[in-house]
Amino acid sequence: MSSRIGIVLVTPAMLEKLSTDRSIASNELSALLRRNLLVPVMHGVTFEQLHQVSPTLASRSGFSTVEEPMEDIVVKIAELVGTLDAEEADELSMK
């Protein structure tokens, strides 16, 4: 049985939506968080800002485009979900 991993791109618009609207998207996010299957990718926001809106999501290990280029994050996500082996990841990192 394989686990599915969700990747959520956390942007200023998403933070605003989560803080003002407890919609279906918020419910789906909560369901994924309960199953430990969500990896946040911060873009244009900090983990501290996310923590104000969703402490549970902010507590997850994730990535930040402020700390590393999106290209490197993509390679790490591909490794995480098992679509790349180490050799392929090294090859992509060099490009």
PDB file of N, CA and C in Angstrom:
ATOM      1  N   MET A   1       0.850  -1.186   0.000  1.00  0.00           N
ATOM      2  CA  MET A   1       0.000   0.000   0.000  1.00  0.00           C
ATOM      3  C   MET A   1       0.890   1.242   0.000  1.00  0.00           C
ATOM      4  N   SER A   2       0.740   2.125  -0.981  1.00  0.00           N
ATOM      5  CA  SER A   2       1.576   3.310  -1.045  1.00  0.00           C
ATOM      6  C   SER A   2       0.839   4.514  -0.474  1.00  0.00           C
ATOM      7  N   SER A   3       1.630   5.418   0.074  1.00  0.00           N
ATOM      8  CA  SER A   3       1.076   6.657   0.614  1.00  0.00           C
ATOM      9  C   SER A   3       1.124   7.716  -0.467  1.00  0.00           C
ATOM     10  N   ARG A   4       0.135   8.534  -0.477  1.00  0.00           N
ATOM     11  CA  ARG A   4       0.131   9.670  -1.386  1.00  0.00           C
ATOM     12  C   ARG A   4       0.555  10.892  -0.596  1.00  0.00           C
ATOM     13  N   ILE A   5       1.349  11.722  -1.253  1.00  0.00           N
ATOM     14  CA  ILE A   5       1.857  12.928  -0.615  1.00  0.00           C
ATOM     15  C   ILE A   5       1.249  14.117  -1.327  1.00  0.00           C
ATOM     16  N   GLY A   6       0.754  15.055  -0.554  1.00  0.00           N
ATOM     17  CA  GLY A   6       0.213  16.282  -1.113  1.00  0.00           C
ATOM     18  C   GLY A   6       1.223  17.404  -0.982  1.00  0.00           C
ATOM     19  N   ILE A   7       1.329  18.204  -1.999  1.00  0.00           N
ATOM     20  CA  ILE A   7       2.193  19.377  -1.990  1.00  0.00           C
ATOM     21  C   ILE A   7       1.277  20.589  -2.046  1.00  0.00           C
ATOM     22  N   VAL A   8       1.449  21.501  -1.099  1.00  0.00           N
ATOM     23  CA  VAL A   8       0.623  22.699  -1.109  1.00  0.00           C
ATOM     24  C   VAL A   8       1.527  23.914  -1.266  1.00  0.00           C
ATOM     25  N   LEU A   9       1.245  24.730  -2.294  1.00  0.00           N
ATOM     26  CA  LEU A   9       1.969  25.972  -2.513  1.00  0.00           C
ATOM     27  C   LEU A   9       1.300  27.041  -1.663  1.00  0.00           C
ATOM     28  N   VAL A  10       2.035  27.527  -0.673  1.00  0.00           N
ATOM     29  CA  VAL A  10       1.488  28.507   0.263  1.00  0.00           C
ATOM     30  C   VAL A  10       1.891  29.893  -0.213  1.00  0.00           C
ATOM     31  N   THR A  11       0.897  30.676  -0.611  1.00  0.00           N
ATOM     32  CA  THR A  11       1.104  32.028  -1.137  1.00  0.00           C
ATOM     33  C   THR A  11       0.352  33.028  -0.267  1.00  0.00           C
ATOM     34  N   PRO A  12       0.609  34.319  -0.445  1.00  0.00           N
ATOM     35  CA  PRO A  12      -0.167  35.314   0.311  1.00  0.00           C
ATOM     36  C   PRO A  12      -1.680  35.170   0.086  1.00  0.00           C
ATOM     37  N   ALA A  13      -2.083  34.859  -1.148  1.00  0.00           N
ATOM     38  CA  ALA A  13      -3.514  34.691  -1.433  1.00  0.00           C
ATOM     39  C   ALA A  13      -4.098  33.510  -0.667  1.00  0.00           C
ATOM     40  N   MET A  14      -3.337  32.428  -0.573  1.00  0.00           N
ATOM     41  CA  MET A  14      -3.827  31.267   0.169  1.00  0.00           C
ATOM     42  C   MET A  14      -3.979  31.603   1.651  1.00  0.00           C
ATOM     43  N   LEU A  15      -2.989  32.300   2.215  1.00  0.00           N
ATOM     44  CA  LEU A  15      -3.084  32.675   3.625  1.00  0.00           C
ATOM     45  C   LEU A  15      -4.321  33.527   3.890  1.00  0.00           C
ATOM     46  N   GLU A  16      -4.578  34.464   2.977  1.00  0.00           N
ATOM     47  CA  GLU A  16      -5.756  35.318   3.129  1.00  0.00           C
ATOM     48  C   GLU A  16      -7.037  34.489   3.073  1.00  0.00           C
ATOM     49  N   LYS A  17      -7.089  33.575   2.122  1.00  0.00           N
ATOM     50  CA  LYS A  17      -8.276  32.722   1.967  1.00  0.00           C
ATOM     51  C   LYS A  17      -8.488  31.857   3.211  1.00  0.00           C
ATOM     52  N   LEU A  18      -7.412  31.251   3.712  1.00  0.00           N
ATOM     53  CA  LEU A  18      -7.541  30.401   4.896  1.00  0.00           C
ATOM     54  C   LEU A  18      -7.943  31.186   6.137  1.00  0.00           C
ATOM     55  N   SER A  19      -7.501  32.426   6.226  1.00  0.00           N
ATOM     56  CA  SER A  19      -7.822  33.208   7.415  1.00  0.00           C
ATOM     57  C   SER A  19      -9.232  33.785   7.384  1.00  0.00           C
ATOM     58  N   THR A  20      -9.830  33.876   6.191  1.00  0.00           N
ATOM     59  CA  THR A  20     -11.158  34.493   6.097  1.00  0.00           C
ATOM     60  C   THR A  20     -12.269  33.532   5.700  1.00  0.00           C
ATOM     61  N   ASP A  21     -11.902  32.352   5.198  1.00  0.00           N
ATOM     62  CA  ASP A  21     -12.917  31.455   4.648  1.00  0.00           C
ATOM     63  C   ASP A  21     -12.676  30.028   5.111  1.00  0.00           C
ATOM     64  N   ARG A  22     -13.575  29.470   5.836  1.00  0.00           N
ATOM     65  CA  ARG A  22     -13.471  28.066   6.266  1.00  0.00           C
ATOM     66  C   ARG A  22     -14.277  27.201   5.298  1.00  0.00           C
ATOM     67  N   SER A  23     -13.826  27.199   4.058  1.00  0.00           N
ATOM     68  CA  SER A  23     -14.547  26.535   2.980  1.00  0.00           C
ATOM     69  C   SER A  23     -14.139  25.076   2.840  1.00  0.00           C
ATOM     70  N   ILE A  24     -14.575  24.485   1.749  1.00  0.00           N
ATOM     71  CA  ILE A  24     -14.235  23.100   1.433  1.00  0.00           C
ATOM     72  C   ILE A  24     -12.717  22.936   1.358  1.00  0.00           C
ATOM     73  N   ALA A  25     -12.018  23.901   0.779  1.00  0.00           N
ATOM     74  CA  ALA A  25     -10.555  23.812   0.677  1.00  0.00           C
ATOM     75  C   ALA A  25      -9.931  23.705   2.061  1.00  0.00           C
ATOM     76  N   SER A  26     -10.430  24.457   3.013  1.00  0.00           N
ATOM     77  CA  SER A  26      -9.912  24.384   4.382  1.00  0.00           C
ATOM     78  C   SER A  26     -10.179  23.014   4.974  1.00  0.00           C
ATOM     79  N   ASN A  27     -11.352  22.462   4.701  1.00  0.00           N
ATOM     80  CA  ASN A  27     -11.688  21.129   5.199  1.00  0.00           C
ATOM     81  C   ASN A  27     -10.794  20.062   4.580  1.00  0.00           C
ATOM     82  N   GLU A  28     -10.531  20.176   3.280  1.00  0.00           N
ATOM     83  CA  GLU A  28      -9.649  19.223   2.619  1.00  0.00           C
ATOM     84  C   GLU A  28      -8.232  19.322   3.167  1.00  0.00           C
ATOM     85  N   LEU A  29      -7.768  20.531   3.401  1.00  0.00           N
ATOM     86  CA  LEU A  29      -6.450  20.741   3.984  1.00  0.00           C
ATOM     87  C   LEU A  29      -6.371  20.089   5.357  1.00  0.00           C
ATOM     88  N   SER A  30      -7.406  20.250   6.143  1.00  0.00           N
ATOM     89  CA  SER A  30      -7.450  19.633   7.473  1.00  0.00           C
ATOM     90  C   SER A  30      -7.385  18.117   7.389  1.00  0.00           C
ATOM     91  N   ALA A  31      -8.083  17.536   6.438  1.00  0.00           N
ATOM     92  CA  ALA A  31      -8.069  16.076   6.280  1.00  0.00           C
ATOM     93  C   ALA A  31      -6.678  15.578   5.907  1.00  0.00           C
ATOM     94  N   LEU A  32      -5.998  16.273   5.025  1.00  0.00           N
ATOM     95  CA  LEU A  32      -4.639  15.888   4.663  1.00  0.00           C
ATOM     96  C   LEU A  32      -3.682  16.045   5.836  1.00  0.00           C
ATOM     97  N   LEU A  33      -3.859  17.102   6.601  1.00  0.00           N
ATOM     98  CA  LEU A  33      -2.990  17.331   7.751  1.00  0.00           C
ATOM     99  C   LEU A  33      -3.130  16.219   8.785  1.00  0.00           C
ATOM    100  N   ARG A  34      -4.329  15.729   8.987  1.00  0.00           N
ATOM    101  CA  ARG A  34      -4.550  14.651   9.962  1.00  0.00           C
ATOM    102  C   ARG A  34      -3.823  13.376   9.560  1.00  0.00           C
ATOM    103  N   ARG A  35      -3.598  13.199   8.268  1.00  0.00           N
ATOM    104  CA  ARG A  35      -2.959  11.971   7.776  1.00  0.00           C
ATOM    105  C   ARG A  35      -1.465  12.153   7.526  1.00  0.00           C
ATOM    106  N   ASN A  36      -0.910  13.305   7.898  1.00  0.00           N
ATOM    107  CA  ASN A  36       0.524  13.563   7.758  1.00  0.00           C
ATOM    108  C   ASN A  36       1.026  13.419   6.325  1.00  0.00           C
ATOM    109  N   LEU A  37       0.239  13.862   5.364  1.00  0.00           N
ATOM    110  CA  LEU A  37       0.601  13.675   3.962  1.00  0.00           C
ATOM    111  C   LEU A  37       0.849  14.972   3.201  1.00  0.00           C
ATOM    112  N   LEU A  38       1.075  16.059   3.913  1.00  0.00           N
ATOM    113  CA  LEU A  38       1.137  17.352   3.259  1.00  0.00           C
ATOM    114  C   LEU A  38       2.496  18.019   3.466  1.00  0.00           C
ATOM    115  N   VAL A  39       3.082  18.485   2.375  1.00  0.00           N
ATOM    116  CA  VAL A  39       4.364  19.181   2.423  1.00  0.00           C
ATOM    117  C   VAL A  39       4.141  20.609   1.918  1.00  0.00           C
ATOM    118  N   PRO A  40       4.356  21.615   2.762  1.00  0.00           N
ATOM    119  CA  PRO A  40       4.173  22.999   2.304  1.00  0.00           C
ATOM    120  C   PRO A  40       5.387  23.513   1.534  1.00  0.00           C
ATOM    121  N   VAL A  41       5.104  24.279   0.484  1.00  0.00           N
ATOM    122  CA  VAL A  41       6.135  25.010  -0.245  1.00  0.00           C
ATOM    123  C   VAL A  41       5.772  26.485  -0.115  1.00  0.00           C
ATOM    124  N   MET A  42       6.582  27.199   0.637  1.00  0.00           N
ATOM    125  CA  MET A  42       6.313  28.607   0.912  1.00  0.00           C
ATOM    126  C   MET A  42       6.805  29.463  -0.249  1.00  0.00           C
ATOM    127  N   HIS A  43       5.929  30.338  -0.750  1.00  0.00           N
ATOM    128  CA  HIS A  43       6.293  31.236  -1.849  1.00  0.00           C
ATOM    129  C   HIS A  43       5.690  32.605  -1.565  1.00  0.00           C
ATOM    130  N   GLY A  44       6.544  33.534  -1.188  1.00  0.00           N
ATOM    131  CA  GLY A  44       6.061  34.886  -0.902  1.00  0.00           C
ATOM    132  C   GLY A  44       5.536  35.057   0.512  1.00  0.00           C
ATOM    133  N   VAL A  45       5.654  34.042   1.325  1.00  0.00           N
ATOM    134  CA  VAL A  45       5.248  34.110   2.732  1.00  0.00           C
ATOM    135  C   VAL A  45       6.278  33.341   3.565  1.00  0.00           C
ATOM    136  N   THR A  46       6.230  33.566   4.859  1.00  0.00           N
ATOM    137  CA  THR A  46       7.148  32.879   5.765  1.00  0.00           C
ATOM    138  C   THR A  46       6.397  31.815   6.562  1.00  0.00           C
ATOM    139  N   PHE A  47       7.157  30.916   7.145  1.00  0.00           N
ATOM    140  CA  PHE A  47       6.541  29.919   8.005  1.00  0.00           C
ATOM    141  C   PHE A  47       5.880  30.599   9.210  1.00  0.00           C
ATOM    142  N   GLU A  48       6.440  31.724   9.663  1.00  0.00           N
ATOM    143  CA  GLU A  48       5.837  32.461  10.779  1.00  0.00           C
ATOM    144  C   GLU A  48       4.452  32.998  10.401  1.00  0.00           C
ATOM    145  N   GLN A  49       4.326  33.520   9.188  1.00  0.00           N
ATOM    146  CA  GLN A  49       3.019  34.007   8.725  1.00  0.00           C
ATOM    147  C   GLN A  49       2.030  32.860   8.619  1.00  0.00           C
ATOM    148  N   LEU A  50       2.475  31.735   8.113  1.00  0.00           N
ATOM    149  CA  LEU A  50       1.603  30.567   8.015  1.00  0.00           C
ATOM    150  C   LEU A  50       1.181  30.099   9.394  1.00  0.00           C
ATOM    151  N   HIS A  51       2.092  30.156  10.340  1.00  0.00           N
ATOM    152  CA  HIS A  51       1.791  29.705  11.704  1.00  0.00           C
ATOM    153  C   HIS A  51       0.625  30.493  12.308  1.00  0.00           C
ATOM    154  N   GLN A  52       0.497  31.759  11.962  1.00  0.00           N
ATOM    155  CA  GLN A  52      -0.605  32.585  12.469  1.00  0.00           C
ATOM    156  C   GLN A  52      -1.955  32.096  11.959  1.00  0.00           C
ATOM    157  N   VAL A  53      -1.974  31.473  10.784  1.00  0.00           N
ATOM    158  CA  VAL A  53      -3.219  31.022  10.162  1.00  0.00           C
ATOM    159  C   VAL A  53      -3.434  29.523  10.361  1.00  0.00           C
ATOM    160  N   SER A  54      -2.365  28.751  10.240  1.00  0.00           N
ATOM    161  CA  SER A  54      -2.467  27.295  10.342  1.00  0.00           C
ATOM    162  C   SER A  54      -1.222  26.742  11.049  1.00  0.00           C
ATOM    163  N   PRO A  55      -1.239  26.736  12.372  1.00  0.00           N
ATOM    164  CA  PRO A  55      -0.077  26.229  13.108  1.00  0.00           C
ATOM    165  C   PRO A  55       0.279  24.785  12.755  1.00  0.00           C
ATOM    166  N   THR A  56      -0.714  23.975  12.462  1.00  0.00           N
ATOM    167  CA  THR A  56      -0.451  22.576  12.133  1.00  0.00           C
ATOM    168  C   THR A  56       0.310  22.458  10.824  1.00  0.00           C
ATOM    169  N   LEU A  57      -0.112  23.186   9.796  1.00  0.00           N
ATOM    170  CA  LEU A  57       0.595  23.146   8.516  1.00  0.00           C
ATOM    171  C   LEU A  57       1.990  23.751   8.661  1.00  0.00           C
ATOM    172  N   ALA A  58       2.106  24.812   9.418  1.00  0.00           N
ATOM    173  CA  ALA A  58       3.411  25.460   9.612  1.00  0.00           C
ATOM    174  C   ALA A  58       4.406  24.556  10.333  1.00  0.00           C
ATOM    175  N   SER A  59       3.893  23.597  11.092  1.00  0.00           N
ATOM    176  CA  SER A  59       4.787  22.706  11.825  1.00  0.00           C
ATOM    177  C   SER A  59       5.368  21.598  10.944  1.00  0.00           C
ATOM    178  N   ARG A  60       4.897  21.459   9.718  1.00  0.00           N
ATOM    179  CA  ARG A  60       5.382  20.427   8.805  1.00  0.00           C
ATOM    180  C   ARG A  60       6.739  20.815   8.235  1.00  0.00           C
ATOM    181  N   SER A  61       7.517  19.806   7.914  1.00  0.00           N
ATOM    182  CA  SER A  61       8.739  20.059   7.168  1.00  0.00           C
ATOM    183  C   SER A  61       8.326  20.467   5.770  1.00  0.00           C
ATOM    184  N   GLY A  62       8.965  21.476   5.256  1.00  0.00           N
ATOM    185  CA  GLY A  62       8.619  21.941   3.928  1.00  0.00           C
ATOM    186  C   GLY A  62       9.766  22.692   3.299  1.00  0.00           C
ATOM    187  N   PHE A  63       9.430  23.475   2.315  1.00  0.00           N
ATOM    188  CA  PHE A  63      10.431  24.201   1.539  1.00  0.00           C
ATOM    189  C   PHE A  63      10.019  25.662   1.434  1.00  0.00           C
ATOM    190  N   SER A  64      11.014  26.518   1.188  1.00  0.00           N
ATOM    191  CA  SER A  64      10.748  27.941   1.011  1.00  0.00           C
ATOM    192  C   SER A  64      11.525  28.451  -0.190  1.00  0.00           C
ATOM    193  N   THR A  65      10.844  29.152  -1.093  1.00  0.00           N
ATOM    194  CA  THR A  65      11.512  29.696  -2.263  1.00  0.00           C
ATOM    195  C   THR A  65      12.428  30.860  -1.899  1.00  0.00           C
ATOM    196  N   VAL A  66      12.333  31.359  -0.671  1.00  0.00           N
ATOM    197  CA  VAL A  66      13.265  32.382  -0.206  1.00  0.00           C
ATOM    198  C   VAL A  66      14.611  31.740   0.118  1.00  0.00           C
ATOM    199  N   GLU A  67      14.566  30.510   0.605  1.00  0.00           N
ATOM    200  CA  GLU A  67      15.775  29.823   1.040  1.00  0.00           C
ATOM    201  C   GLU A  67      16.485  29.063  -0.079  1.00  0.00           C
ATOM    202  N   GLU A  68      15.740  28.621  -1.087  1.00  0.00           N
ATOM    203  CA  GLU A  68      16.358  27.880  -2.186  1.00  0.00           C
ATOM    204  C   GLU A  68      15.549  28.069  -3.465  1.00  0.00           C
ATOM    205  N   PRO A  69      16.220  27.949  -4.610  1.00  0.00           N
ATOM    206  CA  PRO A  69      15.523  28.149  -5.880  1.00  0.00           C
ATOM    207  C   PRO A  69      14.443  27.083  -6.115  1.00  0.00           C
ATOM    208  N   MET A  70      13.414  27.472  -6.836  1.00  0.00           N
ATOM    209  CA  MET A  70      12.313  26.561  -7.143  1.00  0.00           C
ATOM    210  C   MET A  70      12.814  25.306  -7.851  1.00  0.00           C
ATOM    211  N   GLU A  71      13.817  25.446  -8.692  1.00  0.00           N
ATOM    212  CA  GLU A  71      14.353  24.280  -9.404  1.00  0.00           C
ATOM    213  C   GLU A  71      14.866  23.223  -8.420  1.00  0.00           C
ATOM    214  N   ASP A  72      15.552  23.664  -7.355  1.00  0.00           N
ATOM    215  CA  ASP A  72      16.060  22.736  -6.346  1.00  0.00           C
ATOM    216  C   ASP A  72      14.909  22.103  -5.564  1.00  0.00           C
ATOM    217  N   ILE A  73      13.891  22.893  -5.292  1.00  0.00           N
ATOM    218  CA  ILE A  73      12.720  22.379  -4.564  1.00  0.00           C
ATOM    219  C   ILE A  73      12.024  21.302  -5.397  1.00  0.00           C
ATOM    220  N   VAL A  74      11.904  21.539  -6.696  1.00  0.00           N
ATOM    221  CA  VAL A  74      11.259  20.560  -7.584  1.00  0.00           C
ATOM    222  C   VAL A  74      12.007  19.228  -7.545  1.00  0.00           C
ATOM    223  N   VAL A  75      13.328  19.276  -7.581  1.00  0.00           N
ATOM    224  CA  VAL A  75      14.124  18.052  -7.528  1.00  0.00           C
ATOM    225  C   VAL A  75      13.887  17.334  -6.199  1.00  0.00           C
ATOM    226  N   LYS A  76      13.874  18.083  -5.101  1.00  0.00           N
ATOM    227  CA  LYS A  76      13.675  17.472  -3.781  1.00  0.00           C
ATOM    228  C   LYS A  76      12.281  16.849  -3.665  1.00  0.00           C
ATOM    229  N   ILE A  77      11.285  17.504  -4.225  1.00  0.00           N
ATOM    230  CA  ILE A  77       9.930  16.951  -4.196  1.00  0.00           C
ATOM    231  C   ILE A  77       9.874  15.668  -5.029  1.00  0.00           C
ATOM    232  N   ALA A  78      10.511  15.681  -6.186  1.00  0.00           N
ATOM    233  CA  ALA A  78      10.528  14.479  -7.035  1.00  0.00           C
ATOM    234  C   ALA A  78      11.189  13.319  -6.300  1.00  0.00           C
ATOM    235  N   GLU A  79      12.271  13.592  -5.569  1.00  0.00           N
ATOM    236  CA  GLU A  79      12.906  12.540  -4.774  1.00  0.00           C
ATOM    237  C   GLU A  79      11.965  12.064  -3.675  1.00  0.00           C
ATOM    238  N   LEU A  80      11.288  13.009  -3.039  1.00  0.00           N
ATOM    239  CA  LEU A  80      10.384  12.696  -1.940  1.00  0.00           C
ATOM    240  C   LEU A  80       9.256  11.762  -2.370  1.00  0.00           C
ATOM    241  N   VAL A  81       8.698  12.023  -3.524  1.00  0.00           N
ATOM    242  CA  VAL A  81       7.581  11.197  -3.987  1.00  0.00           C
ATOM    243  C   VAL A  81       8.054   9.973  -4.758  1.00  0.00           C
ATOM    244  N   GLY A  82       9.366   9.838  -4.910  1.00  0.00           N
ATOM    245  CA  GLY A  82       9.915   8.631  -5.489  1.00  0.00           C
ATOM    246  C   GLY A  82       9.891   8.556  -6.995  1.00  0.00           C
ATOM    247  N   THR A  83       9.828   9.688  -7.668  1.00  0.00           N
ATOM    248  CA  THR A  83       9.833   9.639  -9.126  1.00  0.00           C
ATOM    249  C   THR A  83      11.240   9.722  -9.685  1.00  0.00           C
ATOM    250  N   LEU A  84      12.214  10.097  -8.839  1.00  0.00           N
ATOM    251  CA  LEU A  84      13.598  10.180  -9.276  1.00  0.00           C
ATOM    252  C   LEU A  84      14.469   9.339  -8.364  1.00  0.00           C
ATOM    253  N   ASP A  85      15.448   8.697  -8.954  1.00  0.00           N
ATOM    254  CA  ASP A  85      16.445   8.057  -8.103  1.00  0.00           C
ATOM    255  C   ASP A  85      17.563   9.072  -7.867  1.00  0.00           C
ATOM    256  N   ALA A  86      18.523   8.737  -7.033  1.00  0.00           N
ATOM    257  CA  ALA A  86      19.576   9.676  -6.650  1.00  0.00           C
ATOM    258  C   ALA A  86      20.371  10.172  -7.855  1.00  0.00           C
ATOM    259  N   GLU A  87      20.665   9.276  -8.801  1.00  0.00           N
ATOM    260  CA  GLU A  87      21.434   9.663  -9.979  1.00  0.00           C
ATOM    261  C   GLU A  87      20.675  10.674 -10.834  1.00  0.00           C
ATOM    262  N   GLU A  88      19.384  10.448 -11.031  1.00  0.00           N
ATOM    263  CA  GLU A  88      18.566  11.385 -11.813  1.00  0.00           C
ATOM    264  C   GLU A  88      18.468  12.727 -11.101  1.00  0.00           C
ATOM    265  N   ALA A  89      18.333  12.709  -9.797  1.00  0.00           N
ATOM    266  CA  ALA A  89      18.244  13.947  -9.027  1.00  0.00           C
ATOM    267  C   ALA A  89      19.541  14.740  -9.141  1.00  0.00           C
ATOM    268  N   ASP A  90      20.684  14.061  -9.061  1.00  0.00           N
ATOM    269  CA  ASP A  90      21.968  14.740  -9.208  1.00  0.00           C
ATOM    270  C   ASP A  90      22.087  15.355 -10.584  1.00  0.00           C
ATOM    271  N   GLU A  91      21.652  14.629 -11.599  1.00  0.00           N
ATOM    272  CA  GLU A  91      21.713  15.121 -12.971  1.00  0.00           C
ATOM    273  C   GLU A  91      20.859  16.389 -13.129  1.00  0.00           C
ATOM    274  N   LEU A  92      19.651  16.380 -12.582  1.00  0.00           N
ATOM    275  CA  LEU A  92      18.786  17.556 -12.662  1.00  0.00           C
ATOM    276  C   LEU A  92      19.352  18.719 -11.882  1.00  0.00           C
ATOM    277  N   SER A  93      19.957  18.471 -10.735  1.00  0.00           N
ATOM    278  CA  SER A  93      20.519  19.526  -9.906  1.00  0.00           C
ATOM    279  C   SER A  93      21.650  20.254 -10.613  1.00  0.00           C
ATOM    280  N   MET A  94      22.346  19.564 -11.509  1.00  0.00           N
ATOM    281  CA  MET A  94      23.471  20.161 -12.221  1.00  0.00           C
ATOM    282  C   MET A  94      23.033  21.055 -13.365  1.00  0.00           C
ATOM    283  N   LYS A  95      21.793  20.924 -13.808  1.00  0.00           N
ATOM    284  CA  LYS A  95      21.308  21.696 -14.961  1.00  0.00           C
ATOM    285  C   LYS A  95      21.047  23.129 -14.589  1.00  0.00           C
TER     286      LYS A  95
END
